[in-house]
Amino acid sequence: MKNRVHILQVKFILRSLNLPDDTLFSRLLPYLRTSASHSYWYNLTSSPLWRVCCNQDIEHLNRQTFRIICRKYLEDLFHQNCQRTRTKLLSACRSQSTIDPILWLPMTSIERSRVVRWRLGWLPGGVPKLCVYHPTDMLIRSHAIRCLHMHQRLQMPSTEPDPLSFLLNKLSTKRKNGALKHSSSTHSAWAVRWPTICQILFELDYLYHGKIPSETPSLGTKLVNWLSKN
């Protein structure tokens, strides 16, 4: 949200600089641009994004150039935040800014809800609870990875801290004729991976509500069928 505020602030500054000369604001602008004015407009110029824009020729800064600057600014901030110690969820996401395919790939509403919640780090119960299988341990994200044997079931090395997020990052973001841009062998791999991912999140949902998972329903069939047709 803070980044969105910075973008809106710079847009306001740019609009104010391009007002017609006969407007009242443009007449006041020479004074507002000085530090002595203590104006809100002058305070906006301390925005980090505006300082980046000042490296360009402001008089010839068009909409397309501004979009490029904003995108580069957001990407740099993203990579900086990923290097911080308390950004485990962010570092588990994709390295580039794009629409995550879990938002548009065919799946049931409950499957999408579970995948998105895992992405966001939201617990199904809202608050960590004691694990049904391990009554002395809280069922937090890291414990769920160990308790549900995600590394073994997803055939991932134990050195990967979040195997489920790692595989979700492998979903292609590009489409070709309405389908994911993957090879046939990759489609075959996802026909095995995806039901396993859905099964793990299904069990996790039950455990967070203090129940042993019931008989497994048919999970992940929408995406598997869609991949087989494409």
Protein backbone atom coordinates (compact mmCIF):
# COMPACT_ATOMS: atom_id res chain seq x y z
CA MET A 1 0.00 0.00 0.00
CA LYS A 2 2.89 2.35 0.75
CA ASN A 3 4.20 1.86 -2.79
CA ARG A 4 0.76 2.67 -4.20
CA VAL A 5 0.76 5.90 -2.18
CA HIS A 6 4.14 6.86 -3.64
CA ILE A 7 2.85 6.31 -7.18
CA LEU A 8 -0.26 8.43 -6.57
CA GLN A 9 1.85 11.19 -5.04
CA VAL A 10 4.12 11.36 -8.09
CA LYS A 11 1.11 11.38 -10.42
CA PHE A 12 -0.28 14.36 -8.52
CA ILE A 13 3.05 16.21 -8.78
CA LEU A 14 3.29 15.56 -12.52
CA ARG A 15 -0.26 16.76 -13.12
CA SER A 16 0.39 19.94 -11.14
CA LEU A 17 3.48 20.66 -13.23
CA ASN A 18 1.48 20.33 -16.45
CA LEU A 19 -1.43 22.59 -15.54
CA PRO A 20 -2.25 25.50 -17.88
CA ASP A 21 -0.38 28.72 -17.10
CA ASP A 22 -3.57 30.65 -16.34
CA THR A 23 -4.63 28.40 -13.44
CA LEU A 24 -4.28 29.60 -9.86
CA PHE A 25 -2.22 26.61 -8.82
CA SER A 26 0.36 27.17 -11.55
CA ARG A 27 0.70 30.79 -10.38
CA LEU A 28 1.34 29.60 -6.82
CA LEU A 29 3.64 26.77 -7.84
CA PRO A 30 6.92 28.79 -7.87
CA TYR A 31 6.35 29.55 -4.18
CA LEU A 32 5.07 26.08 -3.29
CA ARG A 33 8.19 24.49 -4.72
CA THR A 34 10.40 26.27 -2.17
CA SER A 35 11.18 24.81 1.24
CA ALA A 36 10.12 28.06 2.89
CA SER A 37 6.52 27.42 1.88
CA HIS A 38 6.24 24.35 4.17
CA SER A 39 3.56 23.24 1.75
CA TYR A 40 2.14 19.77 1.37
CA TRP A 41 3.20 19.87 -2.28
CA TYR A 42 6.83 20.39 -1.27
CA ASN A 43 6.62 17.51 1.21
CA LEU A 44 5.42 15.23 -1.58
CA THR A 45 8.66 15.83 -3.47
CA SER A 46 10.50 13.87 -0.77
CA SER A 47 8.88 10.69 -2.10
CA PRO A 48 11.55 8.12 -3.07
CA LEU A 49 9.80 7.48 -6.38
CA TRP A 50 9.85 11.19 -7.21
CA ARG A 51 13.58 11.31 -6.57
CA VAL A 52 13.97 8.49 -9.08
CA CYS A 53 11.86 10.42 -11.60
CA CYS A 54 14.04 13.49 -11.12
CA ASN A 55 16.89 11.58 -12.73
CA GLN A 56 14.92 11.93 -15.97
CA ASP A 57 13.97 15.07 -17.86
CA ILE A 58 10.75 15.97 -16.02
CA GLU A 59 9.59 18.27 -18.80
CA HIS A 60 9.53 15.36 -21.27
CA LEU A 61 8.39 12.61 -18.90
CA ASN A 62 5.47 10.96 -20.72
CA ARG A 63 3.07 8.28 -19.51
CA GLN A 64 4.98 5.39 -21.07
CA THR A 65 8.29 6.44 -19.53
CA PHE A 66 6.62 6.89 -16.15
CA ARG A 67 5.22 3.35 -16.31
CA ILE A 68 8.69 1.98 -17.05
CA ILE A 69 10.13 3.91 -14.09
CA CYS A 70 7.36 2.68 -11.77
CA ARG A 71 7.82 -0.93 -12.82
CA LYS A 72 11.59 -0.74 -12.30
CA TYR A 73 11.06 0.97 -8.93
CA LEU A 74 8.62 -1.72 -7.73
CA GLU A 75 10.86 -4.54 -8.93
CA ASP A 76 13.87 -3.07 -7.12
CA LEU A 77 11.84 -2.73 -3.91
CA PHE A 78 10.63 -6.31 -4.27
CA HIS A 79 14.16 -7.68 -4.57
CA GLN A 80 15.31 -5.56 -1.62
CA ASN A 81 12.46 -6.85 0.55
CA CYS A 82 13.22 -10.45 -0.44
CA GLN A 83 16.69 -10.06 1.07
CA ARG A 84 15.30 -9.16 4.49
CA THR A 85 15.19 -11.77 7.23
CA ARG A 86 11.47 -11.45 7.97
CA THR A 87 10.14 -11.86 4.44
CA LYS A 88 9.95 -15.65 4.13
CA LEU A 89 6.56 -15.57 2.39
CA LEU A 90 7.69 -12.92 -0.07
CA SER A 91 10.91 -14.74 -0.89
CA ALA A 92 8.87 -17.90 -1.61
CA CYS A 93 6.93 -16.09 -4.36
CA ARG A 94 7.95 -15.52 -7.96
CA SER A 95 10.95 -13.33 -8.62
CA GLN A 96 9.16 -11.31 -11.32
CA SER A 97 6.06 -9.14 -11.17
CA THR A 98 3.27 -11.00 -12.96
CA ILE A 99 -0.21 -12.44 -12.47
CA ASP A 100 0.03 -15.74 -10.62
CA PRO A 101 -1.59 -18.52 -12.71
CA ILE A 102 -3.32 -19.91 -9.60
CA LEU A 103 -5.76 -17.02 -10.02
CA TRP A 104 -6.99 -18.10 -13.47
CA LEU A 105 -6.22 -21.81 -13.88
CA PRO A 106 -9.33 -24.07 -13.78
CA MET A 107 -10.00 -25.46 -10.30
CA THR A 108 -12.84 -25.58 -7.80
CA SER A 109 -13.45 -22.58 -5.55
CA ILE A 110 -12.32 -24.45 -2.44
CA GLU A 111 -9.12 -25.64 -4.16
CA ARG A 112 -8.32 -22.09 -5.28
CA SER A 113 -9.05 -20.77 -1.79
CA ARG A 114 -6.65 -23.26 -0.22
CA VAL A 115 -3.87 -22.52 -2.72
CA VAL A 116 -4.24 -18.74 -2.39
CA ARG A 117 -4.29 -19.01 1.40
CA TRP A 118 -1.05 -20.98 1.34
CA ARG A 119 0.47 -18.35 -0.93
CA LEU A 120 -0.54 -15.57 1.46
CA GLY A 121 0.53 -17.50 4.54
CA TRP A 122 -2.99 -17.53 5.97
CA LEU A 123 -3.87 -20.41 8.26
CA PRO A 124 -7.24 -22.10 7.61
CA GLY A 125 -8.21 -21.63 11.27
CA GLY A 126 -6.88 -18.07 11.47
CA VAL A 127 -4.79 -18.75 14.60
CA PRO A 128 -2.16 -21.49 15.11
CA LYS A 129 -3.50 -24.51 17.00
CA LEU A 130 -2.03 -27.69 18.42
CA CYS A 131 -1.38 -30.39 15.85
CA VAL A 132 -3.68 -33.43 16.03
CA TYR A 133 -0.78 -35.76 15.22
CA HIS A 134 1.74 -33.95 17.46
CA PRO A 135 -0.14 -32.50 20.48
CA THR A 136 2.97 -30.71 21.80
CA ASP A 137 3.60 -28.77 18.56
CA MET A 138 1.74 -25.81 17.13
CA LEU A 139 0.46 -26.35 13.60
CA ILE A 140 2.29 -23.46 12.01
CA ARG A 141 3.47 -23.33 8.40
CA SER A 142 6.91 -24.86 9.01
CA HIS A 143 5.45 -27.67 11.14
CA ALA A 144 2.80 -28.41 8.49
CA ILE A 145 5.57 -28.94 5.91
CA ARG A 146 7.20 -31.54 8.15
CA CYS A 147 4.01 -33.09 9.53
CA LEU A 148 2.45 -33.70 6.12
CA HIS A 149 5.77 -34.93 4.66
CA MET A 150 5.59 -32.44 1.80
CA HIS A 151 9.16 -33.01 0.64
CA GLN A 152 8.68 -36.75 0.21
CA ARG A 153 5.20 -36.54 -1.29
CA LEU A 154 6.17 -33.82 -3.75
CA GLN A 155 9.52 -35.50 -4.48
CA MET A 156 11.49 -32.41 -3.53
CA PRO A 157 14.90 -32.19 -1.80
CA SER A 158 14.83 -31.46 1.92
CA THR A 159 17.00 -28.38 1.35
CA GLU A 160 14.01 -26.57 -0.19
CA PRO A 161 12.31 -24.68 2.71
CA ASP A 162 8.87 -24.52 1.08
CA PRO A 163 8.45 -27.29 -1.53
CA LEU A 164 4.80 -26.48 -2.22
CA SER A 165 5.47 -22.82 -3.05
CA PHE A 166 8.49 -23.87 -5.12
CA LEU A 167 6.28 -26.03 -7.35
CA LEU A 168 3.60 -23.34 -7.61
CA ASN A 169 6.30 -21.02 -8.93
CA LYS A 170 6.99 -23.55 -11.69
CA LEU A 171 3.52 -23.06 -13.18
CA SER A 172 4.00 -21.16 -16.41
CA THR A 173 2.57 -17.64 -16.56
CA LYS A 174 2.42 -17.72 -20.37
CA ARG A 175 -0.47 -19.08 -22.37
CA LYS A 176 -0.43 -20.47 -25.88
CA ASN A 177 -3.84 -20.77 -27.58
CA GLY A 178 -5.57 -20.61 -24.19
CA ALA A 179 -3.35 -23.29 -22.62
CA LEU A 180 -0.28 -23.20 -20.43
CA LYS A 181 2.90 -22.95 -22.47
CA HIS A 182 4.43 -26.26 -21.33
CA SER A 183 5.81 -29.34 -23.03
CA SER A 184 3.83 -32.59 -23.02
CA SER A 185 6.24 -34.13 -20.49
CA THR A 186 5.70 -31.19 -18.14
CA HIS A 187 1.93 -31.60 -18.49
CA SER A 188 2.33 -35.25 -17.49
CA ALA A 189 4.33 -34.22 -14.43
CA TRP A 190 1.62 -31.77 -13.36
CA ALA A 191 -1.00 -34.51 -13.74
CA VAL A 192 0.78 -36.14 -10.78
CA ARG A 193 1.91 -33.06 -8.88
CA TRP A 194 -1.34 -31.13 -8.87
CA PRO A 195 -3.59 -33.77 -7.25
CA THR A 196 -0.87 -34.28 -4.62
CA ILE A 197 -0.77 -30.53 -3.88
CA CYS A 198 -4.56 -30.44 -3.57
CA GLN A 199 -4.47 -33.52 -1.31
CA ILE A 200 -1.89 -31.92 0.99
CA LEU A 201 -3.90 -28.69 1.32
CA PHE A 202 -7.07 -30.74 1.88
CA GLU A 203 -5.42 -32.56 4.79
CA LEU A 204 -4.02 -29.29 6.14
CA ASP A 205 -7.51 -27.78 6.17
CA TYR A 206 -8.82 -30.70 8.24
CA LEU A 207 -5.90 -30.64 10.68
CA TYR A 208 -6.34 -26.93 11.39
CA HIS A 209 -9.94 -27.66 12.38
CA GLY A 210 -8.83 -30.41 14.76
CA LYS A 211 -10.05 -33.32 12.64
CA ILE A 212 -8.45 -36.35 11.04
CA PRO A 213 -8.85 -36.06 7.24
CA SER A 214 -11.86 -37.98 6.00
CA GLU A 215 -12.06 -40.08 2.86
CA THR A 216 -10.35 -38.17 0.09
CA PRO A 217 -12.66 -36.75 -2.58
CA SER A 218 -11.60 -36.34 -6.18
CA LEU A 219 -9.13 -33.46 -6.08
CA GLY A 220 -7.42 -31.47 -8.82
CA THR A 221 -9.43 -33.05 -11.64
CA LYS A 222 -10.40 -29.75 -13.27
CA LEU A 223 -6.82 -28.71 -13.93
CA VAL A 224 -5.68 -32.22 -14.87
CA ASN A 225 -8.51 -32.60 -17.40
CA TRP A 226 -7.80 -29.15 -18.78
CA LEU A 227 -4.12 -29.98 -19.24
CA SER A 228 -4.94 -33.27 -20.98
CA LYS A 229 -7.11 -31.44 -23.53
CA ASN A 230 -4.43 -28.88 -24.28
